[in-house]
Amino acid sequence: MAFVREYDLMVGFLDQEQPFERFAEVVSNAAGQSWQRILEGERRALGVSTSGRFEIYYEPSDFEPFSTHPYRIGLSLYDLSGELELANRIYDALAASGAYRVILLGDDDFVRGTHYTEGEWEEPIPPL
C-alpha cells in the first residue's frame, strides 16, 4: 500500500476588512462545491460532497506563521489521492485573487507558499 499525504492550507487576509463570505466563496468555487453551512460569527464553513468534505476554521495565535495565517482549510476526501489536486486548486485560486497569503501543507510540512518560503518554515511546536 502506498503512503498518501494529507493536505491542508493555512490562509491569512491581506486586507483585514475583507468579509469572510468572500473568502468562503473563493474556496467553494475552487473546490467545485457549495457550502453546507457557513458560521460567519465563528468564522467557520463546512462543505460536504460525495467525494468528502472540506472545512474552514479560524485558529488565531501569537506565533508565526499562525498569526499571519489564522485560517485553516482542512480537506477530508474519501480518496486521499485526490487531496493534492484539490489543495492545489484552492491554493491557486486564493493566490490568483491577490487577496490572501497562503501556505500549502502536506502532513504539516511546507509544500509551497505565497508569502512564506520553505527556508522560513519552522515547525513551531516540536513533535511529541
Protein backbone atom coordinates (compact mmCIF):
# COMPACT_ATOMS: atom_id res chain seq x y z
CA MET A 1 0.00 0.00 0.00
CA ALA A 2 1.39 3.40 -1.00
CA PHE A 3 1.74 6.19 1.54
CA VAL A 4 -0.56 9.13 0.81
CA ARG A 5 -0.02 12.54 2.39
CA GLU A 6 -2.85 14.57 3.86
CA TYR A 7 -3.02 18.18 2.70
CA ASP A 8 -4.41 21.35 4.20
CA LEU A 9 -3.89 25.07 3.80
CA MET A 10 -3.16 27.98 6.10
CA VAL A 11 -4.58 31.33 4.98
CA GLY A 12 -4.37 34.97 6.04
CA PHE A 13 -6.19 38.00 4.65
CA LEU A 14 -4.02 40.76 3.18
CA ASP A 15 -6.96 43.15 3.70
CA GLN A 16 -8.27 42.54 7.21
CA GLU A 17 -11.56 44.29 6.34
CA GLN A 18 -12.42 41.70 3.70
CA PRO A 19 -15.61 39.79 4.51
CA PHE A 20 -15.34 36.13 5.49
CA GLU A 21 -18.05 35.28 2.93
CA ARG A 22 -15.79 36.39 0.04
CA PHE A 23 -13.03 34.08 1.28
CA ALA A 24 -15.50 31.20 1.63
CA GLU A 25 -16.78 31.87 -1.90
CA VAL A 26 -13.29 31.68 -3.45
CA VAL A 27 -12.66 28.37 -1.65
CA SER A 28 -16.01 26.80 -2.60
CA ASN A 29 -15.65 27.87 -6.26
CA ALA A 30 -12.18 26.32 -6.43
CA ALA A 31 -13.45 23.13 -4.75
CA GLY A 32 -16.42 22.97 -7.11
CA GLN A 33 -18.79 22.54 -4.18
CA SER A 34 -21.14 24.81 -2.30
CA TRP A 35 -21.02 25.24 1.46
CA GLN A 36 -23.43 23.20 3.51
CA ARG A 37 -23.06 25.61 6.40
CA ILE A 38 -21.31 28.95 6.95
CA LEU A 39 -20.97 30.11 10.54
CA GLU A 40 -19.82 33.69 9.99
CA GLY A 41 -19.72 34.61 13.67
CA GLU A 42 -17.43 31.66 14.33
CA ARG A 43 -15.50 32.19 11.07
CA ARG A 44 -16.15 28.58 10.06
CA ALA A 45 -17.59 26.92 6.99
CA LEU A 46 -18.27 23.30 6.14
CA GLY A 47 -18.66 21.81 2.67
CA VAL A 48 -19.76 18.22 2.08
CA SER A 49 -19.94 16.32 -1.19
CA THR A 50 -19.98 12.74 -2.39
CA SER A 51 -16.16 12.84 -2.53
CA GLY A 52 -15.66 14.02 1.06
CA ARG A 53 -15.65 17.27 2.99
CA PHE A 54 -13.70 20.47 3.32
CA GLU A 55 -13.79 22.94 6.18
CA ILE A 56 -12.54 26.42 7.00
CA TYR A 57 -11.85 27.16 10.63
CA TYR A 58 -10.24 30.06 12.46
CA GLU A 59 -7.27 29.39 14.77
CA PRO A 60 -5.57 32.65 15.72
CA SER A 61 -2.23 32.54 17.53
CA ASP A 62 0.60 34.82 18.59
CA PHE A 63 3.17 32.60 16.86
CA GLU A 64 4.24 32.71 13.23
CA PRO A 65 3.09 31.58 10.76
CA PHE A 66 -0.25 31.21 12.55
CA SER A 67 -0.52 34.89 13.45
CA THR A 68 -0.43 35.92 9.78
CA HIS A 69 -2.28 32.79 8.57
CA PRO A 70 -5.06 32.29 11.17
CA TYR A 71 -7.43 30.36 8.90
CA ARG A 72 -7.01 26.66 8.22
CA ILE A 73 -8.66 24.79 5.36
CA GLY A 74 -8.91 21.10 6.16
CA LEU A 75 -9.57 18.52 3.46
CA SER A 76 -11.02 15.07 4.13
CA LEU A 77 -11.63 13.18 0.91
CA TYR A 78 -12.65 9.55 0.74
CA ASP A 79 -9.98 9.06 -1.95
CA LEU A 80 -6.91 10.64 -0.33
CA SER A 81 -5.04 10.59 -3.63
CA GLY A 82 -7.29 13.47 -4.78
CA GLU A 83 -6.37 15.79 -1.90
CA LEU A 84 -3.25 17.23 -3.53
CA GLU A 85 -5.17 18.17 -6.68
CA LEU A 86 -7.93 19.83 -4.65
CA ALA A 87 -5.43 21.57 -2.36
CA ASN A 88 -3.57 22.94 -5.38
CA ARG A 89 -6.81 24.20 -6.98
CA ILE A 90 -7.77 26.04 -3.79
CA TYR A 91 -4.21 27.37 -3.35
CA ASP A 92 -4.07 28.63 -6.95
CA ALA A 93 -7.47 30.33 -6.70
CA LEU A 94 -6.58 32.10 -3.46
CA ALA A 95 -3.14 33.12 -4.76
CA ALA A 96 -4.58 34.37 -8.08
CA SER A 97 -7.05 36.62 -6.27
CA GLY A 98 -4.16 38.58 -4.74
CA ALA A 99 -6.15 38.98 -1.51
CA TYR A 100 -4.60 36.25 0.63
CA ARG A 101 -1.34 34.86 1.94
CA VAL A 102 -1.44 31.08 1.60
CA ILE A 103 0.66 28.14 2.76
CA LEU A 104 0.02 24.63 1.42
CA LEU A 105 0.97 21.86 3.84
CA GLY A 106 1.37 18.12 3.35
CA ASP A 107 1.30 16.24 6.66
CA ASP A 108 2.09 19.60 8.33
CA ASP A 109 5.24 20.00 6.20
CA PHE A 110 5.70 23.03 3.96
CA VAL A 111 4.84 22.41 0.28
CA ARG A 112 4.59 25.97 -1.08
CA GLY A 113 3.57 29.46 -0.01
CA THR A 114 2.68 32.82 -1.49
CA HIS A 115 4.38 34.96 1.17
CA TYR A 116 6.37 32.34 3.02
CA THR A 117 9.27 30.25 1.78
CA GLU A 118 10.42 26.78 2.70
CA GLY A 119 13.54 28.33 4.23
CA GLU A 120 11.37 30.38 6.61
CA TRP A 121 9.28 27.38 7.62
CA GLU A 122 9.99 26.15 11.10
CA GLU A 123 7.74 23.79 12.93
CA PRO A 124 6.50 26.00 15.81
CA ILE A 125 5.80 23.09 18.18
CA PRO A 126 8.21 20.16 18.34
CA PRO A 127 6.64 16.76 17.69
CA LEU A 128 5.96 14.54 20.70
